[in-house]
Amino acid sequence: MIDGCPIDCEKRILDNAGFKDYNYVRVTDYGFKKGETLVTEDVVSAVYEKVETIY
């Protein structure tokens, strides 16, 4: 799961729903800012590359 929230909003939703077995990445750890980083093809590609190297 890719979370754009620096306080783990999406992770909390999955945890509260009972999901346990998932991979998690917080993109704010890589310099992307919620509400400030525009979603462009370049940004999506950059996030994909970071996640791909982790998982």
PDB file of N, CA and C in Angstrom:
ATOM      1  N   MET A   1       0.848  -1.145   0.000  1.00  0.00           N
ATOM      2  CA  MET A   1       0.000   0.000   0.000  1.00  0.00           C
ATOM      3  C   MET A   1       0.910   1.228   0.000  1.00  0.00           C
ATOM      4  N   ILE A   2       0.555   2.179  -0.802  1.00  0.00           N
ATOM      5  CA  ILE A   2       1.320   3.424  -0.883  1.00  0.00           C
ATOM      6  C   ILE A   2       0.534   4.497  -0.153  1.00  0.00           C
ATOM      7  N   ASP A   3       1.138   5.049   0.892  1.00  0.00           N
ATOM      8  CA  ASP A   3       0.470   6.044   1.731  1.00  0.00           C
ATOM      9  C   ASP A   3       1.112   7.401   1.512  1.00  0.00           C
ATOM     10  N   GLY A   4       0.309   8.385   1.197  1.00  0.00           N
ATOM     11  CA  GLY A   4       0.812   9.736   0.987  1.00  0.00           C
ATOM     12  C   GLY A   4       0.688  10.608   2.219  1.00  0.00           C
ATOM     13  N   CYS A   5       0.232  10.034   3.320  1.00  0.00           N
ATOM     14  CA  CYS A   5       0.002  10.789   4.547  1.00  0.00           C
ATOM     15  C   CYS A   5       1.171  10.585   5.518  1.00  0.00           C
ATOM     16  N   PRO A   6       1.746  11.648   6.035  1.00  0.00           N
ATOM     17  CA  PRO A   6       2.887  11.510   6.941  1.00  0.00           C
ATOM     18  C   PRO A   6       2.523  10.920   8.305  1.00  0.00           C
ATOM     19  N   ILE A   7       1.231  10.804   8.611  1.00  0.00           N
ATOM     20  CA  ILE A   7       0.839  10.213   9.904  1.00  0.00           C
ATOM     21  C   ILE A   7       0.119   8.872   9.722  1.00  0.00           C
ATOM     22  N   ASP A   8       0.414   8.224   8.578  1.00  0.00           N
ATOM     23  CA  ASP A   8      -0.019   6.841   8.327  1.00  0.00           C
ATOM     24  C   ASP A   8      -1.532   6.641   8.262  1.00  0.00           C
ATOM     25  N   CYS A   9      -2.244   7.565   7.660  1.00  0.00           N
ATOM     26  CA  CYS A   9      -3.712   7.454   7.572  1.00  0.00           C
ATOM     27  C   CYS A   9      -4.164   6.160   6.908  1.00  0.00           C
ATOM     28  N   GLU A  10      -3.610   5.856   5.741  1.00  0.00           N
ATOM     29  CA  GLU A  10      -4.035   4.660   5.013  1.00  0.00           C
ATOM     30  C   GLU A  10      -3.665   3.392   5.758  1.00  0.00           C
ATOM     31  N   LYS A  11      -2.499   3.382   6.395  1.00  0.00           N
ATOM     32  CA  LYS A  11      -2.076   2.217   7.184  1.00  0.00           C
ATOM     33  C   LYS A  11      -3.062   1.979   8.327  1.00  0.00           C
ATOM     34  N   ARG A  12      -3.468   3.014   8.974  1.00  0.00           N
ATOM     35  CA  ARG A  12      -4.436   2.879  10.076  1.00  0.00           C
ATOM     36  C   ARG A  12      -5.765   2.320   9.584  1.00  0.00           C
ATOM     37  N   ILE A  13      -6.204   2.749   8.396  1.00  0.00           N
ATOM     38  CA  ILE A  13      -7.451   2.238   7.832  1.00  0.00           C
ATOM     39  C   ILE A  13      -7.344   0.731   7.619  1.00  0.00           C
ATOM     40  N   LEU A  14      -6.245   0.282   7.010  1.00  0.00           N
ATOM     41  CA  LEU A  14      -6.075  -1.152   6.778  1.00  0.00           C
ATOM     42  C   LEU A  14      -5.970  -1.923   8.086  1.00  0.00           C
ATOM     43  N   ASP A  15      -5.212  -1.399   9.024  1.00  0.00           N
ATOM     44  CA  ASP A  15      -5.077  -2.062  10.326  1.00  0.00           C
ATOM     45  C   ASP A  15      -6.427  -2.165  11.035  1.00  0.00           C
ATOM     46  N   ASN A  16      -7.179  -1.088  11.039  1.00  0.00           N
ATOM     47  CA  ASN A  16      -8.490  -1.086  11.695  1.00  0.00           C
ATOM     48  C   ASN A  16      -9.478  -2.026  11.013  1.00  0.00           C
ATOM     49  N   ALA A  17      -9.283  -2.254   9.710  1.00  0.00           N
ATOM     50  CA  ALA A  17     -10.156  -3.167   8.968  1.00  0.00           C
ATOM     51  C   ALA A  17      -9.718  -4.625   9.123  1.00  0.00           C
ATOM     52  N   GLY A  18      -8.625  -4.847   9.831  1.00  0.00           N
ATOM     53  CA  GLY A  18      -8.171  -6.202  10.103  1.00  0.00           C
ATOM     54  C   GLY A  18      -7.136  -6.754   9.143  1.00  0.00           C
ATOM     55  N   PHE A  19      -6.684  -5.944   8.205  1.00  0.00           N
ATOM     56  CA  PHE A  19      -5.651  -6.416   7.285  1.00  0.00           C
ATOM     57  C   PHE A  19      -4.313  -6.481   8.013  1.00  0.00           C
ATOM     58  N   LYS A  20      -3.577  -7.561   7.794  1.00  0.00           N
ATOM     59  CA  LYS A  20      -2.284  -7.728   8.465  1.00  0.00           C
ATOM     60  C   LYS A  20      -1.138  -7.964   7.483  1.00  0.00           C
ATOM     61  N   ASP A  21      -1.419  -8.643   6.391  1.00  0.00           N
ATOM     62  CA  ASP A  21      -0.369  -9.056   5.467  1.00  0.00           C
ATOM     63  C   ASP A  21      -0.342  -8.155   4.240  1.00  0.00           C
ATOM     64  N   TYR A  22       0.334  -7.028   4.377  1.00  0.00           N
ATOM     65  CA  TYR A  22       0.466  -6.111   3.251  1.00  0.00           C
ATOM     66  C   TYR A  22       1.807  -5.393   3.337  1.00  0.00           C
ATOM     67  N   ASN A  23       2.278  -4.942   2.202  1.00  0.00           N
ATOM     68  CA  ASN A  23       3.498  -4.135   2.154  1.00  0.00           C
ATOM     69  C   ASN A  23       3.096  -2.678   2.240  1.00  0.00           C
ATOM     70  N   TYR A  24       3.942  -1.884   2.879  1.00  0.00           N
ATOM     71  CA  TYR A  24       3.587  -0.501   3.176  1.00  0.00           C
ATOM     72  C   TYR A  24       4.739   0.438   2.828  1.00  0.00           C
ATOM     73  N   VAL A  25       4.413   1.519   2.140  1.00  0.00           N
ATOM     74  CA  VAL A  25       5.401   2.553   1.840  1.00  0.00           C
ATOM     75  C   VAL A  25       4.767   3.913   2.108  1.00  0.00           C
ATOM     76  N   ARG A  26       5.478   4.745   2.861  1.00  0.00           N
ATOM     77  CA  ARG A  26       5.027   6.111   3.131  1.00  0.00           C
ATOM     78  C   ARG A  26       5.853   7.034   2.232  1.00  0.00           C
ATOM     79  N   VAL A  27       5.210   7.613   1.220  1.00  0.00           N
ATOM     80  CA  VAL A  27       5.963   8.397   0.228  1.00  0.00           C
ATOM     81  C   VAL A  27       6.506   9.708   0.788  1.00  0.00           C
ATOM     82  N   THR A  28       5.959  10.180   1.877  1.00  0.00           N
ATOM     83  CA  THR A  28       6.505  11.405   2.467  1.00  0.00           C
ATOM     84  C   THR A  28       7.923  11.169   3.001  1.00  0.00           C
ATOM     85  N   ASP A  29       8.281   9.900   3.230  1.00  0.00           N
ATOM     86  CA  ASP A  29       9.651   9.575   3.642  1.00  0.00           C
ATOM     87  C   ASP A  29      10.653   9.842   2.519  1.00  0.00           C
ATOM     88  N   TYR A  30      10.157   9.979   1.302  1.00  0.00           N
ATOM     89  CA  TYR A  30      11.018  10.185   0.139  1.00  0.00           C
ATOM     90  C   TYR A  30      10.927  11.609  -0.405  1.00  0.00           C
ATOM     91  N   GLY A  31      10.387  12.506   0.391  1.00  0.00           N
ATOM     92  CA  GLY A  31      10.379  13.916   0.002  1.00  0.00           C
ATOM     93  C   GLY A  31       9.114  14.401  -0.691  1.00  0.00           C
ATOM     94  N   PHE A  32       8.159  13.511  -0.921  1.00  0.00           N
ATOM     95  CA  PHE A  32       6.903  13.939  -1.520  1.00  0.00           C
ATOM     96  C   PHE A  32       6.014  14.509  -0.423  1.00  0.00           C
ATOM     97  N   LYS A  33       5.345  15.611  -0.689  1.00  0.00           N
ATOM     98  CA  LYS A  33       4.550  16.274   0.344  1.00  0.00           C
ATOM     99  C   LYS A  33       3.063  16.217   0.016  1.00  0.00           C
ATOM    100  N   LYS A  34       2.298  15.727   0.981  1.00  0.00           N
ATOM    101  CA  LYS A  34       0.850  15.621   0.813  1.00  0.00           C
ATOM    102  C   LYS A  34       0.262  17.015   0.575  1.00  0.00           C
ATOM    103  N   GLY A  35      -0.538  17.120  -0.468  1.00  0.00           N
ATOM    104  CA  GLY A  35      -1.188  18.388  -0.773  1.00  0.00           C
ATOM    105  C   GLY A  35      -0.308  19.397  -1.486  1.00  0.00           C
ATOM    106  N   GLU A  36       0.970  19.085  -1.630  1.00  0.00           N
ATOM    107  CA  GLU A  36       1.894  20.012  -2.288  1.00  0.00           C
ATOM    108  C   GLU A  36       2.523  19.430  -3.546  1.00  0.00           C
ATOM    109  N   THR A  37       2.808  18.126  -3.536  1.00  0.00           N
ATOM    110  CA  THR A  37       3.423  17.488  -4.685  1.00  0.00           C
ATOM    111  C   THR A  37       2.363  17.222  -5.740  1.00  0.00           C
ATOM    112  N   LEU A  38       2.551  17.795  -6.910  1.00  0.00           N
ATOM    113  CA  LEU A  38       1.606  17.561  -7.996  1.00  0.00           C
ATOM    114  C   LEU A  38       1.731  16.128  -8.492  1.00  0.00           C
ATOM    115  N   VAL A  39       0.608  15.523  -8.827  1.00  0.00           N
ATOM    116  CA  VAL A  39       0.611  14.169  -9.367  1.00  0.00           C
ATOM    117  C   VAL A  39       0.804  14.274 -10.871  1.00  0.00           C
ATOM    118  N   THR A  40       2.026  13.994 -11.266  1.00  0.00           N
ATOM    119  CA  THR A  40       2.384  14.034 -12.679  1.00  0.00           C
ATOM    120  C   THR A  40       2.940  12.666 -13.072  1.00  0.00           C
ATOM    121  N   GLU A  41       3.111  12.459 -14.347  1.00  0.00           N
ATOM    122  CA  GLU A  41       3.694  11.201 -14.808  1.00  0.00           C
ATOM    123  C   GLU A  41       5.089  10.994 -14.221  1.00  0.00           C
ATOM    124  N   ASP A  42       5.861  12.066 -14.120  1.00  0.00           N
ATOM    125  CA  ASP A  42       7.207  11.965 -13.546  1.00  0.00           C
ATOM    126  C   ASP A  42       7.167  11.581 -12.077  1.00  0.00           C
ATOM    127  N   VAL A  43       6.235  12.140 -11.322  1.00  0.00           N
ATOM    128  CA  VAL A  43       6.120  11.820  -9.897  1.00  0.00           C
ATOM    129  C   VAL A  43       5.673  10.366  -9.726  1.00  0.00           C
ATOM    130  N   VAL A  44       4.695   9.951 -10.498  1.00  0.00           N
ATOM    131  CA  VAL A  44       4.225   8.563 -10.426  1.00  0.00           C
ATOM    132  C   VAL A  44       5.370   7.603 -10.753  1.00  0.00           C
ATOM    133  N   SER A  45       6.144   7.913 -11.765  1.00  0.00           N
ATOM    134  CA  SER A  45       7.289   7.079 -12.134  1.00  0.00           C
ATOM    135  C   SER A  45       8.329   7.033 -11.020  1.00  0.00           C
ATOM    136  N   ALA A  46       8.580   8.170 -10.392  1.00  0.00           N
ATOM    137  CA  ALA A  46       9.556   8.227  -9.304  1.00  0.00           C
ATOM    138  C   ALA A  46       9.098   7.387  -8.113  1.00  0.00           C
ATOM    139  N   VAL A  47       7.825   7.480  -7.772  1.00  0.00           N
ATOM    140  CA  VAL A  47       7.289   6.673  -6.668  1.00  0.00           C
ATOM    141  C   VAL A  47       7.381   5.192  -7.028  1.00  0.00           C
ATOM    142  N   TYR A  48       7.002   4.852  -8.243  1.00  0.00           N
ATOM    143  CA  TYR A  48       7.070   3.465  -8.685  1.00  0.00           C
ATOM    144  C   TYR A  48       8.493   2.928  -8.563  1.00  0.00           C
ATOM    145  N   GLU A  49       9.467   3.697  -9.008  1.00  0.00           N
ATOM    146  CA  GLU A  49      10.863   3.256  -8.939  1.00  0.00           C
ATOM    147  C   GLU A  49      11.310   3.023  -7.501  1.00  0.00           C
ATOM    148  N   LYS A  50      10.903   3.893  -6.592  1.00  0.00           N
ATOM    149  CA  LYS A  50      11.276   3.714  -5.190  1.00  0.00           C
ATOM    150  C   LYS A  50      10.638   2.474  -4.594  1.00  0.00           C
ATOM    151  N   VAL A  51       9.356   2.276  -4.880  1.00  0.00           N
ATOM    152  CA  VAL A  51       8.647   1.117  -4.344  1.00  0.00           C
ATOM    153  C   VAL A  51       9.184  -0.168  -4.963  1.00  0.00           C
ATOM    154  N   GLU A  52       9.480  -0.122  -6.237  1.00  0.00           N
ATOM    155  CA  GLU A  52       9.982  -1.305  -6.929  1.00  0.00           C
ATOM    156  C   GLU A  52      11.300  -1.786  -6.321  1.00  0.00           C
ATOM    157  N   THR A  53      12.162  -0.864  -5.903  1.00  0.00           N
ATOM    158  CA  THR A  53      13.442  -1.262  -5.320  1.00  0.00           C
ATOM    159  C   THR A  53      13.276  -1.862  -3.928  1.00  0.00           C
ATOM    160  N   ILE A  54      12.207  -1.495  -3.231  1.00  0.00           N
ATOM    161  CA  ILE A  54      11.941  -2.018  -1.886  1.00  0.00           C
ATOM    162  C   ILE A  54      11.303  -3.397  -1.952  1.00  0.00           C
ATOM    163  N   TYR A  55      10.336  -3.542  -2.841  1.00  0.00           N
ATOM    164  CA  TYR A  55       9.573  -4.781  -2.900  1.00  0.00           C
ATOM    165  C   TYR A  55       9.843  -5.487  -4.196  1.00  0.00           C
TER     166      TYR A  55
END
